[in-house]
Amino acid sequence: MATVWRTDPDYEATRRRMVWNERIPERFPDVIVSVTSDADVIEAVKLARSRGLRIAIRAGGHSWIGTSLRDGGMLIDLSQLNGVT
C-alpha cells in the first residue's frame, strides 16, 4: 500500500496521475492511497476510519471530469488491484 499525504513532495504528481486527461480539477484529497490487494483496501479503510476521513474511490480513472478527486478525505486508488480473495 502506497500512501501519499498532501504534505509529501510527490503529492501533486500523484494527484495529477489520478486523472487520465489534462483537465485536472482543483480538488485536493488529504491523502491518496494506492492499493494492490484486498488486505491493502482493508488497511486503507481502517486508516481512514481512525482519522475520521471520508473515502472516495478511483477505479479505472477514466472519468473525464475527475469525479474521484474530492477535497479532503482519502482517495483510494484501485487501478492496480487485479482481483480479490
C-alpha atoms as a PDB file:
ATOM      1  CA  MET A   1       0.000   0.000   0.000  1.00  0.00           C
ATOM      2  CA  ALA A   2       1.467   3.321  -1.067  1.00  0.00           C
ATOM      3  CA  THR A   3       0.272   6.309   0.946  1.00  0.00           C
ATOM      4  CA  VAL A   4       0.889   9.885  -0.199  1.00  0.00           C
ATOM      5  CA  TRP A   5      -0.168  12.698   2.129  1.00  0.00           C
ATOM      6  CA  ARG A   6      -0.832  16.234   0.940  1.00  0.00           C
ATOM      7  CA  THR A   7       2.400  17.394   2.630  1.00  0.00           C
ATOM      8  CA  ASP A   8       4.561  14.835   0.771  1.00  0.00           C
ATOM      9  CA  PRO A   9       6.812  16.172  -2.013  1.00  0.00           C
ATOM     10  CA  ASP A  10       5.343  13.825  -4.653  1.00  0.00           C
ATOM     11  CA  TYR A  11       1.717  14.613  -3.755  1.00  0.00           C
ATOM     12  CA  GLU A  12       0.970  16.879  -6.730  1.00  0.00           C
ATOM     13  CA  ALA A  13       2.420  14.427  -9.268  1.00  0.00           C
ATOM     14  CA  THR A  14       0.409  11.613  -7.674  1.00  0.00           C
ATOM     15  CA  ARG A  15      -2.772  13.719  -7.637  1.00  0.00           C
ATOM     16  CA  ARG A  16      -2.349  14.579 -11.321  1.00  0.00           C
ATOM     17  CA  ARG A  17      -1.956  10.877 -12.203  1.00  0.00           C
ATOM     18  CA  MET A  18      -5.424  10.244 -10.783  1.00  0.00           C
ATOM     19  CA  VAL A  19      -6.996  11.900 -13.858  1.00  0.00           C
ATOM     20  CA  TRP A  20      -6.249  10.497 -17.321  1.00  0.00           C
ATOM     21  CA  ASN A  21      -6.571  13.777 -19.222  1.00  0.00           C
ATOM     22  CA  GLU A  22      -5.104  17.246 -18.707  1.00  0.00           C
ATOM     23  CA  ARG A  23      -8.264  18.710 -17.153  1.00  0.00           C
ATOM     24  CA  ILE A  24      -7.080  18.307 -13.572  1.00  0.00           C
ATOM     25  CA  PRO A  25      -9.741  19.628 -11.196  1.00  0.00           C
ATOM     26  CA  GLU A  26      -8.725  21.914  -8.346  1.00  0.00           C
ATOM     27  CA  ARG A  27      -9.711  19.372  -5.696  1.00  0.00           C
ATOM     28  CA  PHE A  28      -7.240  18.043  -3.159  1.00  0.00           C
ATOM     29  CA  PRO A  29      -7.684  14.880  -1.073  1.00  0.00           C
ATOM     30  CA  ASP A  30      -5.813  14.850   2.244  1.00  0.00           C
ATOM     31  CA  VAL A  31      -4.241  11.515   1.342  1.00  0.00           C
ATOM     32  CA  ILE A  32      -4.039   9.273  -1.732  1.00  0.00           C
ATOM     33  CA  VAL A  33      -3.672   5.542  -1.137  1.00  0.00           C
ATOM     34  CA  SER A  34      -2.798   3.130  -3.951  1.00  0.00           C
ATOM     35  CA  VAL A  35      -3.717  -0.467  -3.169  1.00  0.00           C
ATOM     36  CA  THR A  36      -2.714  -3.748  -4.803  1.00  0.00           C
ATOM     37  CA  SER A  37      -4.583  -6.285  -2.661  1.00  0.00           C
ATOM     38  CA  ASP A  38      -7.745  -6.738  -0.655  1.00  0.00           C
ATOM     39  CA  ALA A  39      -5.609  -6.556   2.500  1.00  0.00           C
ATOM     40  CA  ASP A  40      -4.428  -3.100   1.369  1.00  0.00           C
ATOM     41  CA  VAL A  41      -8.042  -1.992   0.951  1.00  0.00           C
ATOM     42  CA  ILE A  42      -8.824  -3.144   4.489  1.00  0.00           C
ATOM     43  CA  GLU A  43      -5.813  -1.264   5.882  1.00  0.00           C
ATOM     44  CA  ALA A  44      -6.729   1.885   3.960  1.00  0.00           C
ATOM     45  CA  VAL A  45     -10.294   1.818   5.285  1.00  0.00           C
ATOM     46  CA  LYS A  46      -9.003   1.272   8.830  1.00  0.00           C
ATOM     47  CA  LEU A  47      -6.654   4.241   8.438  1.00  0.00           C
ATOM     48  CA  ALA A  48      -9.464   6.448   7.129  1.00  0.00           C
ATOM     49  CA  ARG A  49     -11.737   5.387   9.949  1.00  0.00           C
ATOM     50  CA  SER A  50      -9.101   6.001  12.622  1.00  0.00           C
ATOM     51  CA  ARG A  51      -8.594   9.556  11.325  1.00  0.00           C
ATOM     52  CA  GLY A  52     -12.228  10.323  10.585  1.00  0.00           C
ATOM     53  CA  LEU A  53     -11.594  10.700   6.834  1.00  0.00           C
ATOM     54  CA  ARG A  54     -14.287  10.394   4.175  1.00  0.00           C
ATOM     55  CA  ILE A  55     -13.377   7.942   1.397  1.00  0.00           C
ATOM     56  CA  ALA A  56     -13.547   8.421  -2.370  1.00  0.00           C
ATOM     57  CA  ILE A  57     -12.720   5.599  -4.798  1.00  0.00           C
ATOM     58  CA  ARG A  58     -10.833   5.701  -8.080  1.00  0.00           C
ATOM     59  CA  ALA A  59     -11.236   2.563 -10.176  1.00  0.00           C
ATOM     60  CA  GLY A  60     -10.142   2.831 -13.810  1.00  0.00           C
ATOM     61  CA  GLY A  61      -9.599   6.575 -13.648  1.00  0.00           C
ATOM     62  CA  HIS A  62     -11.417   7.357 -16.888  1.00  0.00           C
ATOM     63  CA  SER A  63     -13.796   9.964 -15.532  1.00  0.00           C
ATOM     64  CA  TRP A  64     -13.383  12.902 -17.890  1.00  0.00           C
ATOM     65  CA  ILE A  65     -14.061  15.370 -15.074  1.00  0.00           C
ATOM     66  CA  GLY A  66     -12.071  13.558 -12.384  1.00  0.00           C
ATOM     67  CA  THR A  67     -15.014  12.717 -10.134  1.00  0.00           C
ATOM     68  CA  SER A  68     -12.853  10.640  -7.788  1.00  0.00           C
ATOM     69  CA  LEU A  69     -10.857  13.716  -6.749  1.00  0.00           C
ATOM     70  CA  ARG A  70     -12.530  15.306  -3.738  1.00  0.00           C
ATOM     71  CA  ASP A  71     -11.393  17.995  -1.343  1.00  0.00           C
ATOM     72  CA  GLY A  72     -10.284  16.475   1.930  1.00  0.00           C
ATOM     73  CA  GLY A  73     -10.610  12.859   2.962  1.00  0.00           C
ATOM     74  CA  MET A  74      -8.908   9.830   1.450  1.00  0.00           C
ATOM     75  CA  LEU A  75      -8.773   8.788  -2.181  1.00  0.00           C
ATOM     76  CA  ILE A  76      -8.300   5.024  -2.561  1.00  0.00           C
ATOM     77  CA  ASP A  77      -6.866   4.190  -5.981  1.00  0.00           C
ATOM     78  CA  LEU A  78      -7.966   0.695  -7.068  1.00  0.00           C
ATOM     79  CA  SER A  79      -6.361   0.837 -10.528  1.00  0.00           C
ATOM     80  CA  GLN A  80      -3.616  -1.649  -9.584  1.00  0.00           C
ATOM     81  CA  LEU A  81      -5.998  -4.068  -7.854  1.00  0.00           C
ATOM     82  CA  ASN A  82      -6.393  -7.043 -10.193  1.00  0.00           C
ATOM     83  CA  GLY A  83      -8.553  -9.270  -8.019  1.00  0.00           C
ATOM     84  CA  VAL A  84      -9.805 -10.040  -4.527  1.00  0.00           C
ATOM     85  CA  THR A  85      -9.824 -13.191  -2.475  1.00  0.00           C
END
